[in-house]
């Protein structure tokens, strides 16, 4: 798969607040592309927390199932079908 194809399918990404996580692993089970894995380290509360590996599609499944609001979802701007690269010349 090309980088361009991977970017086209990704609608966004997530940021994980590892210190809020209690290690329930609901996000791991809910992630369709299976890009979340549990860390080998623990947070300040003593829980293992999820880590993001490459391939996140920004689907928000992790955010929707998380009881501790660990995930912040950031959407990429939707590209217009008419979008074109514009060069500026001097």
PDB file of N, CA and C in Angstrom:
ATOM      1  N   UNK A   1       0.846  -1.174   0.000  1.00  0.00           N
ATOM      2  CA  UNK A   1       0.000   0.000   0.000  1.00  0.00           C
ATOM      3  C   UNK A   1       0.889   1.234   0.000  1.00  0.00           C
ATOM      4  N   UNK A   2       0.547   2.185  -0.790  1.00  0.00           N
ATOM      5  CA  UNK A   2       1.336   3.407  -0.874  1.00  0.00           C
ATOM      6  C   UNK A   2       1.002   4.330   0.293  1.00  0.00           C
ATOM      7  N   UNK A   3       1.908   5.257   0.567  1.00  0.00           N
ATOM      8  CA  UNK A   3       1.666   6.235   1.626  1.00  0.00           C
ATOM      9  C   UNK A   3       0.450   7.082   1.284  1.00  0.00           C
ATOM     10  N   UNK A   4       0.295   7.382   0.016  1.00  0.00           N
ATOM     11  CA  UNK A   4      -0.844   8.180  -0.421  1.00  0.00           C
ATOM     12  C   UNK A   4      -2.155   7.455  -0.142  1.00  0.00           C
ATOM     13  N   UNK A   5      -2.199   6.142  -0.400  1.00  0.00           N
ATOM     14  CA  UNK A   5      -3.401   5.358  -0.134  1.00  0.00           C
ATOM     15  C   UNK A   5      -3.710   5.279   1.348  1.00  0.00           C
ATOM     16  N   UNK A   6      -2.684   5.159   2.180  1.00  0.00           N
ATOM     17  CA  UNK A   6      -2.879   5.097   3.626  1.00  0.00           C
ATOM     18  C   UNK A   6      -3.430   6.421   4.139  1.00  0.00           C
ATOM     19  N   UNK A   7      -2.900   7.523   3.629  1.00  0.00           N
ATOM     20  CA  UNK A   7      -3.369   8.837   4.066  1.00  0.00           C
ATOM     21  C   UNK A   7      -4.817   9.067   3.646  1.00  0.00           C
ATOM     22  N   UNK A   8      -5.196   8.596   2.489  1.00  0.00           N
ATOM     23  CA  UNK A   8      -6.548   8.798   1.992  1.00  0.00           C
ATOM     24  C   UNK A   8      -7.572   8.136   2.911  1.00  0.00           C
ATOM     25  N   UNK A   9      -7.242   6.982   3.467  1.00  0.00           N
ATOM     26  CA  UNK A   9      -8.180   6.261   4.317  1.00  0.00           C
ATOM     27  C   UNK A   9      -8.230   6.808   5.735  1.00  0.00           C
ATOM     28  N   UNK A  10      -7.214   7.515   6.174  1.00  0.00           N
ATOM     29  CA  UNK A  10      -7.170   8.026   7.530  1.00  0.00           C
ATOM     30  C   UNK A  10      -7.990   9.302   7.629  1.00  0.00           C
ATOM     31  N   UNK A  11      -8.927   9.318   8.562  1.00  0.00           N
ATOM     32  CA  UNK A  11      -9.761  10.489   8.773  1.00  0.00           C
ATOM     33  C   UNK A  11      -9.237  11.362   9.895  1.00  0.00           C
ATOM     34  N   UNK A  12      -8.242  10.854  10.608  1.00  0.00           N
ATOM     35  CA  UNK A  12      -7.695  11.605  11.724  1.00  0.00           C
ATOM     36  C   UNK A  12      -6.776  10.736  12.548  1.00  0.00           C
ATOM     37  N   UNK A  13      -6.512  11.183  13.753  1.00  0.00           N
ATOM     38  CA  UNK A  13      -5.678  10.411  14.665  1.00  0.00           C
ATOM     39  C   UNK A  13      -6.132  10.697  16.086  1.00  0.00           C
ATOM     40  N   UNK A  14      -5.564   9.987  17.033  1.00  0.00           N
ATOM     41  CA  UNK A  14      -5.926  10.177  18.432  1.00  0.00           C
ATOM     42  C   UNK A  14      -4.685  10.487  19.258  1.00  0.00           C
ATOM     43  N   UNK A  15      -4.916  11.176  20.358  1.00  0.00           N
ATOM     44  CA  UNK A  15      -3.885  11.417  21.352  1.00  0.00           C
ATOM     45  C   UNK A  15      -4.360  10.726  22.622  1.00  0.00           C
ATOM     46  N   UNK A  16      -3.450   9.998  23.265  1.00  0.00           N
ATOM     47  CA  UNK A  16      -3.793   9.199  24.437  1.00  0.00           C
ATOM     48  C   UNK A  16      -3.259   9.873  25.696  1.00  0.00           C
ATOM     49  N   UNK A  17      -4.155  10.108  26.654  1.00  0.00           N
ATOM     50  CA  UNK A  17      -3.759  10.649  27.956  1.00  0.00           C
ATOM     51  C   UNK A  17      -3.500   9.456  28.870  1.00  0.00           C
ATOM     52  N   UNK A  18      -2.283   8.965  28.861  1.00  0.00           N
ATOM     53  CA  UNK A  18      -1.953   7.717  29.555  1.00  0.00           C
ATOM     54  C   UNK A  18      -2.195   7.787  31.059  1.00  0.00           C
ATOM     55  N   UNK A  19      -2.139   8.971  31.644  1.00  0.00           N
ATOM     56  CA  UNK A  19      -2.321   9.084  33.088  1.00  0.00           C
ATOM     57  C   UNK A  19      -3.770   8.918  33.535  1.00  0.00           C
ATOM     58  N   UNK A  20      -4.729   9.021  32.625  1.00  0.00           N
ATOM     59  CA  UNK A  20      -6.144   8.819  32.964  1.00  0.00           C
ATOM     60  C   UNK A  20      -6.562   7.360  32.851  1.00  0.00           C
ATOM     61  N   UNK A  21      -5.782   6.556  32.158  1.00  0.00           N
ATOM     62  CA  UNK A  21      -6.154   5.180  31.829  1.00  0.00           C
ATOM     63  C   UNK A  21      -6.108   4.263  33.048  1.00  0.00           C
ATOM     64  N   UNK A  22      -7.102   3.362  33.137  1.00  0.00           N
ATOM     65  CA  UNK A  22      -7.150   2.357  34.197  1.00  0.00           C
ATOM     66  C   UNK A  22      -6.944   0.954  33.647  1.00  0.00           C
ATOM     67  N   UNK A  23      -6.532   0.848  32.387  1.00  0.00           N
ATOM     68  CA  UNK A  23      -6.141  -0.436  31.818  1.00  0.00           C
ATOM     69  C   UNK A  23      -7.258  -1.425  31.545  1.00  0.00           C
ATOM     70  N   UNK A  24      -8.466  -0.965  31.273  1.00  0.00           N
ATOM     71  CA  UNK A  24      -9.593  -1.886  31.057  1.00  0.00           C
ATOM     72  C   UNK A  24      -9.509  -2.630  29.724  1.00  0.00           C
ATOM     73  N   UNK A  25      -8.773  -2.089  28.763  1.00  0.00           N
ATOM     74  CA  UNK A  25      -8.552  -2.670  27.434  1.00  0.00           C
ATOM     75  C   UNK A  25      -9.786  -2.690  26.530  1.00  0.00           C
ATOM     76  N   UNK A  26     -10.833  -1.955  26.871  1.00  0.00           N
ATOM     77  CA  UNK A  26     -12.000  -1.867  25.988  1.00  0.00           C
ATOM     78  C   UNK A  26     -11.613  -1.284  24.635  1.00  0.00           C
ATOM     79  N   UNK A  27     -10.701  -0.340  24.638  1.00  0.00           N
ATOM     80  CA  UNK A  27     -10.256   0.292  23.394  1.00  0.00           C
ATOM     81  C   UNK A  27      -9.542  -0.710  22.489  1.00  0.00           C
ATOM     82  N   UNK A  28      -8.777  -1.603  23.080  1.00  0.00           N
ATOM     83  CA  UNK A  28      -8.042  -2.610  22.310  1.00  0.00           C
ATOM     84  C   UNK A  28      -9.027  -3.475  21.533  1.00  0.00           C
ATOM     85  N   UNK A  29     -10.087  -3.908  22.211  1.00  0.00           N
ATOM     86  CA  UNK A  29     -11.097  -4.757  21.572  1.00  0.00           C
ATOM     87  C   UNK A  29     -11.926  -4.000  20.542  1.00  0.00           C
ATOM     88  N   UNK A  30     -12.125  -2.695  20.755  1.00  0.00           N
ATOM     89  CA  UNK A  30     -12.986  -1.910  19.871  1.00  0.00           C
ATOM     90  C   UNK A  30     -12.290  -1.396  18.616  1.00  0.00           C
ATOM     91  N   UNK A  31     -10.985  -1.401  18.581  1.00  0.00           N
ATOM     92  CA  UNK A  31     -10.225  -0.798  17.480  1.00  0.00           C
ATOM     93  C   UNK A  31     -10.308  -1.645  16.209  1.00  0.00           C
ATOM     94  N   UNK A  32     -11.030  -1.174  15.166  1.00  0.00           N
ATOM     95  CA  UNK A  32     -11.157  -1.968  13.932  1.00  0.00           C
ATOM     96  C   UNK A  32      -9.834  -2.262  13.229  1.00  0.00           C
ATOM     97  N   UNK A  33      -8.915  -1.285  13.098  1.00  0.00           N
ATOM     98  CA  UNK A  33      -7.655  -1.623  12.421  1.00  0.00           C
ATOM     99  C   UNK A  33      -6.628  -2.297  13.340  1.00  0.00           C
ATOM    100  N   UNK A  34      -6.989  -2.500  14.610  1.00  0.00           N
ATOM    101  CA  UNK A  34      -6.111  -3.188  15.570  1.00  0.00           C
ATOM    102  C   UNK A  34      -4.750  -2.509  15.712  1.00  0.00           C
ATOM    103  N   UNK A  35      -4.762  -1.197  15.874  1.00  0.00           N
ATOM    104  CA  UNK A  35      -3.507  -0.456  15.994  1.00  0.00           C
ATOM    105  C   UNK A  35      -3.195  -0.036  17.427  1.00  0.00           C
ATOM    106  N   UNK A  36      -4.059  -0.380  18.368  1.00  0.00           N
ATOM    107  CA  UNK A  36      -3.789  -0.090  19.769  1.00  0.00           C
ATOM    108  C   UNK A  36      -3.229  -1.332  20.446  1.00  0.00           C
ATOM    109  N   UNK A  37      -2.172  -1.145  21.213  1.00  0.00           N
ATOM    110  CA  UNK A  37      -1.572  -2.233  21.992  1.00  0.00           C
ATOM    111  C   UNK A  37      -1.338  -1.717  23.409  1.00  0.00           C
ATOM    112  N   UNK A  38      -1.361  -2.617  24.373  1.00  0.00           N
ATOM    113  CA  UNK A  38      -1.096  -2.210  25.746  1.00  0.00           C
ATOM    114  C   UNK A  38       0.407  -2.063  25.953  1.00  0.00           C
ATOM    115  N   UNK A  39       0.769  -1.027  26.669  1.00  0.00           N
ATOM    116  CA  UNK A  39       2.180  -0.761  26.945  1.00  0.00           C
ATOM    117  C   UNK A  39       2.725  -1.787  27.935  1.00  0.00           C
ATOM    118  N   UNK A  40       4.020  -1.873  27.991  1.00  0.00           N
ATOM    119  CA  UNK A  40       4.660  -2.718  28.995  1.00  0.00           C
ATOM    120  C   UNK A  40       4.957  -1.905  30.251  1.00  0.00           C
ATOM    121  N   UNK A  41       4.832  -0.592  30.146  1.00  0.00           N
ATOM    122  CA  UNK A  41       5.055   0.305  31.279  1.00  0.00           C
ATOM    123  C   UNK A  41       3.722   0.603  31.965  1.00  0.00           C
ATOM    124  N   UNK A  42       3.785   1.202  33.138  1.00  0.00           N
ATOM    125  CA  UNK A  42       2.573   1.583  33.860  1.00  0.00           C
ATOM    126  C   UNK A  42       2.548   3.096  34.050  1.00  0.00           C
ATOM    127  N   UNK A  43       1.328   3.626  34.212  1.00  0.00           N
ATOM    128  CA  UNK A  43       1.178   5.062  34.442  1.00  0.00           C
ATOM    129  C   UNK A  43       1.329   5.367  35.934  1.00  0.00           C
ATOM    130  N   UNK A  44       1.070   6.602  36.328  1.00  0.00           N
ATOM    131  CA  UNK A  44       1.240   7.028  37.718  1.00  0.00           C
ATOM    132  C   UNK A  44       0.318   6.275  38.677  1.00  0.00           C
ATOM    133  N   UNK A  45      -0.804   5.745  38.171  1.00  0.00           N
ATOM    134  CA  UNK A  45      -1.731   4.991  39.014  1.00  0.00           C
ATOM    135  C   UNK A  45      -1.399   3.499  39.053  1.00  0.00           C
ATOM    136  N   UNK A  46      -0.391   3.080  38.286  1.00  0.00           N
ATOM    137  CA  UNK A  46       0.014   1.679  38.292  1.00  0.00           C
ATOM    138  C   UNK A  46      -0.666   0.812  37.253  1.00  0.00           C
ATOM    139  N   UNK A  47      -1.326   1.431  36.271  1.00  0.00           N
ATOM    140  CA  UNK A  47      -2.024   0.684  35.223  1.00  0.00           C
ATOM    141  C   UNK A  47      -1.247   0.718  33.914  1.00  0.00           C
ATOM    142  N   UNK A  48      -1.312  -0.380  33.178  1.00  0.00           N
ATOM    143  CA  UNK A  48      -0.805  -0.364  31.803  1.00  0.00           C
ATOM    144  C   UNK A  48      -1.787   0.445  30.970  1.00  0.00           C
ATOM    145  N   UNK A  49      -1.305   1.108  29.958  1.00  0.00           N
ATOM    146  CA  UNK A  49      -2.133   1.995  29.139  1.00  0.00           C
ATOM    147  C   UNK A  49      -1.933   1.661  27.660  1.00  0.00           C
ATOM    148  N   UNK A  50      -2.885   2.055  26.800  1.00  0.00           N
ATOM    149  CA  UNK A  50      -2.752   1.758  25.371  1.00  0.00           C
ATOM    150  C   UNK A  50      -1.733   2.665  24.694  1.00  0.00           C
ATOM    151  N   UNK A  51      -1.108   2.117  23.675  1.00  0.00           N
ATOM    152  CA  UNK A  51      -0.203   2.883  22.826  1.00  0.00           C
ATOM    153  C   UNK A  51      -0.671   2.714  21.389  1.00  0.00           C
ATOM    154  N   UNK A  52      -0.494   3.758  20.612  1.00  0.00           N
ATOM    155  CA  UNK A  52      -0.913   3.772  19.218  1.00  0.00           C
ATOM    156  C   UNK A  52       0.236   3.337  18.321  1.00  0.00           C
ATOM    157  N   UNK A  53      -0.029   2.366  17.456  1.00  0.00           N
ATOM    158  CA  UNK A  53       0.943   1.966  16.445  1.00  0.00           C
ATOM    159  C   UNK A  53       0.479   2.535  15.107  1.00  0.00           C
ATOM    160  N   UNK A  54       1.316   2.569  14.093  1.00  0.00           N
ATOM    161  CA  UNK A  54       0.915   3.147  12.804  1.00  0.00           C
ATOM    162  C   UNK A  54      -0.320   2.464  12.212  1.00  0.00           C
ATOM    163  N   UNK A  55      -1.158   3.264  11.576  1.00  0.00           N
ATOM    164  CA  UNK A  55      -2.325   2.735  10.886  1.00  0.00           C
ATOM    165  C   UNK A  55      -3.658   3.230  11.409  1.00  0.00           C
ATOM    166  N   UNK A  56      -3.651   4.164  12.349  1.00  0.00           N
ATOM    167  CA  UNK A  56      -4.904   4.697  12.890  1.00  0.00           C
ATOM    168  C   UNK A  56      -5.711   5.352  11.768  1.00  0.00           C
ATOM    169  N   UNK A  57      -7.003   5.027  11.715  1.00  0.00           N
ATOM    170  CA  UNK A  57      -7.876   5.603  10.694  1.00  0.00           C
ATOM    171  C   UNK A  57      -8.703   6.774  11.219  1.00  0.00           C
ATOM    172  N   UNK A  58      -8.621   7.046  12.515  1.00  0.00           N
ATOM    173  CA  UNK A  58      -9.407   8.133  13.087  1.00  0.00           C
ATOM    174  C   UNK A  58     -10.880   7.804  13.195  1.00  0.00           C
ATOM    175  N   UNK A  59     -11.215   6.527  13.338  1.00  0.00           N
ATOM    176  CA  UNK A  59     -12.621   6.090  13.335  1.00  0.00           C
ATOM    177  C   UNK A  59     -13.380   6.462  14.603  1.00  0.00           C
ATOM    178  N   UNK A  60     -12.711   6.779  15.687  1.00  0.00           N
ATOM    179  CA  UNK A  60     -13.248   7.174  16.992  1.00  0.00           C
ATOM    180  C   UNK A  60     -13.785   6.022  17.837  1.00  0.00           C
ATOM    181  N   UNK A  61     -13.617   4.778  17.428  1.00  0.00           N
ATOM    182  CA  UNK A  61     -14.127   3.645  18.211  1.00  0.00           C
ATOM    183  C   UNK A  61     -13.529   3.636  19.616  1.00  0.00           C
ATOM    184  N   UNK A  62     -12.244   3.897  19.741  1.00  0.00           N
ATOM    185  CA  UNK A  62     -11.585   3.908  21.056  1.00  0.00           C
ATOM    186  C   UNK A  62     -12.192   4.984  21.950  1.00  0.00           C
ATOM    187  N   UNK A  63     -12.405   6.142  21.396  1.00  0.00           N
ATOM    188  CA  UNK A  63     -12.981   7.271  22.134  1.00  0.00           C
ATOM    189  C   UNK A  63     -14.393   6.940  22.618  1.00  0.00           C
ATOM    190  N   UNK A  64     -15.162   6.288  21.783  1.00  0.00           N
ATOM    191  CA  UNK A  64     -16.553   5.987  22.122  1.00  0.00           C
ATOM    192  C   UNK A  64     -16.694   4.962  23.233  1.00  0.00           C
ATOM    193  N   UNK A  65     -15.781   4.001  23.337  1.00  0.00           N
ATOM    194  CA  UNK A  65     -15.918   2.955  24.353  1.00  0.00           C
ATOM    195  C   UNK A  65     -15.171   3.257  25.646  1.00  0.00           C
ATOM    196  N   UNK A  66     -14.303   4.234  25.655  1.00  0.00           N
ATOM    197  CA  UNK A  66     -13.454   4.487  26.823  1.00  0.00           C
ATOM    198  C   UNK A  66     -14.242   5.145  27.963  1.00  0.00           C
ATOM    199  N   UNK A  67     -14.324   4.473  29.124  1.00  0.00           N
ATOM    200  CA  UNK A  67     -15.058   5.061  30.249  1.00  0.00           C
ATOM    201  C   UNK A  67     -14.283   6.162  30.973  1.00  0.00           C
ATOM    202  N   UNK A  68     -12.999   6.307  30.673  1.00  0.00           N
ATOM    203  CA  UNK A  68     -12.166   7.273  31.384  1.00  0.00           C
ATOM    204  C   UNK A  68     -11.730   8.465  30.536  1.00  0.00           C
ATOM    205  N   UNK A  69     -12.287   8.603  29.344  1.00  0.00           N
ATOM    206  CA  UNK A  69     -12.001   9.740  28.462  1.00  0.00           C
ATOM    207  C   UNK A  69     -10.505   9.906  28.212  1.00  0.00           C
ATOM    208  N   UNK A  70      -9.853   8.806  27.898  1.00  0.00           N
ATOM    209  CA  UNK A  70      -8.412   8.773  27.665  1.00  0.00           C
ATOM    210  C   UNK A  70      -8.050   9.326  26.287  1.00  0.00           C
ATOM    211  N   UNK A  71      -8.965   9.212  25.324  1.00  0.00           N
ATOM    212  CA  UNK A  71      -8.658   9.523  23.931  1.00  0.00           C
ATOM    213  C   UNK A  71      -9.212  10.871  23.499  1.00  0.00           C
ATOM    214  N   UNK A  72      -8.365  11.661  22.849  1.00  0.00           N
ATOM    215  CA  UNK A  72      -8.797  12.882  22.169  1.00  0.00           C
ATOM    216  C   UNK A  72      -8.632  12.610  20.682  1.00  0.00           C
ATOM    217  N   UNK A  73      -9.700  12.798  19.930  1.00  0.00           N
ATOM    218  CA  UNK A  73      -9.680  12.511  18.498  1.00  0.00           C
ATOM    219  C   UNK A  73      -9.509  13.811  17.732  1.00  0.00           C
ATOM    220  N   UNK A  74      -8.571  13.802  16.811  1.00  0.00           N
ATOM    221  CA  UNK A  74      -8.322  14.960  15.959  1.00  0.00           C
ATOM    222  C   UNK A  74      -8.572  14.556  14.521  1.00  0.00           C
ATOM    223  N   UNK A  75      -9.504  15.243  13.883  1.00  0.00           N
ATOM    224  CA  UNK A  75      -9.863  14.944  12.499  1.00  0.00           C
ATOM    225  C   UNK A  75      -9.010  15.752  11.542  1.00  0.00           C
ATOM    226  N   UNK A  76      -8.629  15.095  10.448  1.00  0.00           N
ATOM    227  CA  UNK A  76      -7.936  15.790   9.377  1.00  0.00           C
ATOM    228  C   UNK A  76      -8.983  16.518   8.547  1.00  0.00           C
ATOM    229  N   UNK A  77      -8.662  17.688   8.008  1.00  0.00           N
ATOM    230  CA  UNK A  77      -9.633  18.381   7.157  1.00  0.00           C
ATOM    231  C   UNK A  77      -9.956  17.536   5.931  1.00  0.00           C
ATOM    232  N   UNK A  78     -11.217  17.517   5.576  1.00  0.00           N
ATOM    233  CA  UNK A  78     -11.642  16.763   4.394  1.00  0.00           C
ATOM    234  C   UNK A  78     -11.152  17.483   3.150  1.00  0.00           C
ATOM    235  N   UNK A  79     -10.558  16.731   2.264  1.00  0.00           N
ATOM    236  CA  UNK A  79     -10.073  17.317   1.009  1.00  0.00           C
ATOM    237  C   UNK A  79     -11.240  17.474   0.051  1.00  0.00           C
ATOM    238  N   UNK A  80     -11.310  18.601  -0.562  1.00  0.00           N
ATOM    239  CA  UNK A  80     -12.336  18.848  -1.564  1.00  0.00           C
ATOM    240  C   UNK A  80     -12.017  18.036  -2.812  1.00  0.00           C
ATOM    241  N   UNK A  81     -13.033  17.496  -3.483  1.00  0.00           N
ATOM    242  CA  UNK A  81     -12.762  16.767  -4.722  1.00  0.00           C
ATOM    243  C   UNK A  81     -12.127  17.654  -5.789  1.00  0.00           C
ATOM    244  N   UNK A  82     -12.306  18.967  -5.653  1.00  0.00           N
ATOM    245  CA  UNK A  82     -11.744  19.903  -6.615  1.00  0.00           C
ATOM    246  C   UNK A  82     -10.396  20.471  -6.156  1.00  0.00           C
ATOM    247  N   UNK A  83      -9.897  19.985  -5.017  1.00  0.00           N
ATOM    248  CA  UNK A  83      -8.643  20.527  -4.480  1.00  0.00           C
ATOM    249  C   UNK A  83      -7.487  20.247  -5.426  1.00  0.00           C
ATOM    250  N   UNK A  84      -6.670  21.268  -5.611  1.00  0.00           N
ATOM    251  CA  UNK A  84      -5.502  21.149  -6.481  1.00  0.00           C
ATOM    252  C   UNK A  84      -4.317  21.785  -5.787  1.00  0.00           C
ATOM    253  N   UNK A  85      -3.164  21.296  -6.084  1.00  0.00           N
ATOM    254  CA  UNK A  85      -1.946  21.893  -5.560  1.00  0.00           C
ATOM    255  C   UNK A  85      -1.700  23.183  -6.326  1.00  0.00           C
ATOM    256  N   UNK A  86      -1.495  24.258  -5.593  1.00  0.00           N
ATOM    257  CA  UNK A  86      -1.298  25.557  -6.229  1.00  0.00           C
ATOM    258  C   UNK A  86       0.118  26.021  -5.942  1.00  0.00           C
ATOM    259  N   UNK A  87       0.860  26.318  -6.990  1.00  0.00           N
ATOM    260  CA  UNK A  87       2.225  26.813  -6.833  1.00  0.00           C
ATOM    261  C   UNK A  87       2.247  28.319  -6.949  1.00  0.00           C
ATOM    262  N   UNK A  88       3.122  28.933  -6.187  1.00  0.00           N
ATOM    263  CA  UNK A  88       3.262  30.382  -6.244  1.00  0.00           C
ATOM    264  C   UNK A  88       4.607  30.682  -6.883  1.00  0.00           C
ATOM    265  N   UNK A  89       4.580  31.505  -7.900  1.00  0.00           N
ATOM    266  CA  UNK A  89       5.823  31.894  -8.563  1.00  0.00           C
ATOM    267  C   UNK A  89       6.038  33.382  -8.377  1.00  0.00           C
ATOM    268  N   UNK A  90       7.286  33.772  -8.364  1.00  0.00           N
ATOM    269  CA  UNK A  90       7.599  35.169  -8.111  1.00  0.00           C
ATOM    270  C   UNK A  90       7.832  35.880  -9.332  1.00  0.00           C
TER     271      UNK A  90
END
